[in-house]
Protein backbone atom coordinates (compact mmCIF):
# COMPACT_ATOMS: atom_id res chain seq x y z
CA MET A 1 47.18 181.75 85.28
CA ALA A 2 45.52 185.07 84.49
CA PHE A 3 42.62 185.25 82.05
CA ASN A 4 41.61 188.11 79.77
CA VAL A 5 37.91 188.95 80.15
CA LEU A 6 35.72 190.80 77.65
CA ILE A 7 32.62 192.35 79.25
CA VAL A 8 29.82 193.24 76.82
CA ASP A 9 26.87 195.31 78.03
CA ASP A 10 25.20 198.47 76.75
CA SER A 11 25.22 199.93 80.28
CA SER A 12 28.62 201.30 81.30
CA THR A 13 27.44 201.09 84.91
CA MET A 14 26.67 197.38 84.55
CA ARG A 15 30.05 196.77 82.88
CA SER A 16 31.67 198.45 85.91
CA VAL A 17 29.60 196.35 88.33
CA ILE A 18 30.55 193.12 86.54
CA ARG A 19 34.21 194.13 86.44
CA LYS A 20 34.26 195.06 90.14
CA THR A 21 32.43 191.85 91.08
CA ILE A 22 34.94 189.73 89.15
CA GLU A 23 37.81 191.60 90.84
CA MET A 24 36.23 191.10 94.28
CA SER A 25 35.67 187.41 93.59
CA GLY A 26 39.38 186.62 93.44
CA PHE A 27 39.18 185.37 89.85
CA ASP A 28 42.62 185.80 88.26
CA VAL A 29 42.30 188.45 85.54
CA GLY A 30 45.08 189.52 83.22
CA GLN A 31 43.20 192.27 81.38
CA PHE A 32 39.63 193.48 81.12
CA PHE A 33 38.20 194.64 77.82
CA GLU A 34 34.79 196.26 77.42
CA ALA A 35 32.24 196.73 74.66
CA GLY A 36 28.81 198.37 74.57
CA ASN A 37 27.23 195.84 72.17
CA GLY A 38 28.02 192.79 70.07
CA ARG A 39 29.40 194.79 67.16
CA GLU A 40 31.86 196.59 69.44
CA ALA A 41 32.80 193.24 71.00
CA LEU A 42 33.71 191.82 67.60
CA SER A 43 35.82 194.90 66.94
CA VAL A 44 37.66 194.44 70.27
CA LEU A 45 38.27 190.77 69.41
CA GLU A 46 39.93 191.78 66.13
CA LYS A 47 42.68 193.50 68.17
CA GLU A 48 42.73 191.76 71.57
CA TRP A 49 42.65 188.20 72.89
CA ALA A 50 39.90 187.31 75.36
CA ASP A 51 39.89 183.99 77.18
CA ILE A 52 36.25 184.41 78.16
CA ILE A 53 33.37 186.69 77.21
CA VAL A 54 30.73 187.86 79.69
CA THR A 55 27.77 189.38 77.86
CA ASP A 56 24.30 190.76 78.33
CA ILE A 57 21.48 189.66 76.02
CA HIS A 58 19.53 192.86 75.40
CA MET A 59 21.69 195.47 73.64
CA PRO A 60 21.25 197.85 70.70
CA GLU A 61 22.84 197.29 67.27
CA MET A 62 23.90 193.69 67.96
CA ASP A 63 22.39 191.82 70.89
CA GLY A 64 23.75 188.80 72.73
CA ARG A 65 21.97 186.34 70.47
CA ALA A 66 23.47 187.85 67.31
CA LEU A 67 26.88 188.03 69.01
CA LEU A 68 26.79 184.31 69.81
CA LYS A 69 25.97 183.52 66.19
CA ALA A 70 28.70 185.82 64.86
CA LEU A 71 31.31 184.35 67.22
CA ARG A 72 30.59 180.82 66.00
CA GLU A 73 31.22 181.92 62.40
CA GLN A 74 34.73 183.25 63.15
CA ALA A 75 37.25 180.44 63.44
CA ILE A 76 39.70 182.20 65.76
CA VAL A 77 37.08 183.00 68.43
CA SER A 78 34.57 180.24 67.75
CA THR A 79 35.71 178.31 70.83
CA THR A 80 35.97 181.29 73.19
CA PRO A 81 33.59 180.53 76.07
CA VAL A 82 30.66 182.90 76.50
CA VAL A 83 28.79 183.48 79.77
CA ILE A 84 25.43 185.25 79.60
CA VAL A 85 24.60 187.68 82.43
CA THR A 86 20.92 188.57 82.32
CA THR A 87 17.70 189.42 84.11
CA GLU A 88 15.97 186.91 81.83
CA GLY A 89 14.34 184.26 83.97
CA ARG A 90 12.48 182.08 81.51
CA GLU A 91 14.20 178.70 81.29
CA GLU A 92 13.26 178.19 77.63
CA ARG A 93 14.95 181.49 76.76
CA LEU A 94 18.10 180.58 78.69
CA GLU A 95 18.15 177.16 77.02
CA GLU A 96 18.02 178.93 73.65
CA PHE A 97 21.25 180.78 74.49
CA LEU A 98 22.92 177.61 75.70
CA GLY A 99 21.87 176.00 72.43
CA LEU A 100 23.53 178.85 70.53
CA GLY A 101 26.84 178.13 72.25
CA ALA A 102 26.80 180.00 75.56
CA LYS A 103 28.54 177.92 78.21
CA ALA A 104 26.59 179.29 81.18
CA CYS A 105 23.96 181.81 82.24
CA ILE A 106 24.15 183.95 85.37
CA LYS A 107 20.97 185.69 86.51
CA LYS A 108 21.13 189.23 87.89
CA PRO A 109 21.56 189.98 90.72
CA PHE A 110 24.63 187.84 91.31
CA ARG A 111 27.29 187.40 93.97
CA PRO A 112 31.09 187.47 93.53
CA GLU A 113 31.48 183.79 94.36
CA GLU A 114 28.80 182.86 91.82
CA ILE A 115 30.67 184.74 89.08
CA ARG A 116 34.04 183.25 90.11
CA ASN A 117 32.70 179.70 90.31
CA THR A 118 30.93 180.01 86.95
CA LEU A 119 33.98 181.47 85.18
CA MET A 120 36.26 178.82 86.70
CA ASP A 121 33.86 176.04 85.75
CA VAL A 122 33.49 177.27 82.17
CA LEU A 123 37.29 177.52 81.83
CA GLY A 124 37.79 174.05 83.34
CA MET A 125 39.50 175.31 86.50
CA ASP A 126 38.76 173.97 89.95
CA GLU A 127 38.82 175.60 93.38
CA GLU A 128 41.92 173.62 94.36
CA ALA A 129 43.90 175.06 91.43
CA MET A 130 42.88 178.58 92.46
CA GLN A 131 43.87 177.93 96.08
CA ASP A 132 47.24 176.51 94.97
CA LYS A 133 47.83 179.71 92.98
CA GLU A 134 46.86 181.87 95.98
CA ALA A 135 49.21 179.91 98.26
CA LEU A 136 52.11 180.61 95.91
CA GLU A 137 51.49 184.33 95.58
CA GLY A 138 54.36 186.30 97.00
CA CYS A 139 56.73 183.34 96.75
CA ASP A 140 59.87 183.69 94.68
CA PHE A 141 61.11 180.65 92.79
């Protein structure tokens, strides 16, 4: 099953790095969407469906904290899982984001398998399900 991923970061380079890392990880992506801040992310979500959101914290206009709050106020996306990708290392700060509804936090720098495992965990997928999918690729039924 392919998942649509919305990547939110004010750095286009970082969005590209996250996208490439997810692709390299083997995580099954249907479509990628991108936004440069929380406000742009909300605009994307008005037109597109995302199964999971991967966002930075520190962004202009609308940061990750404000985005989490805004998502929880919109019924249609209030249950969309959010993963924070950040350089923030203080546990109390990360706990704050988890308290606001983020499902996980990934600290930069990160590895492809860390991203894949976190996304799969947040979406309730297990490694066995991913391997079963990979074993069936190329098979015609």
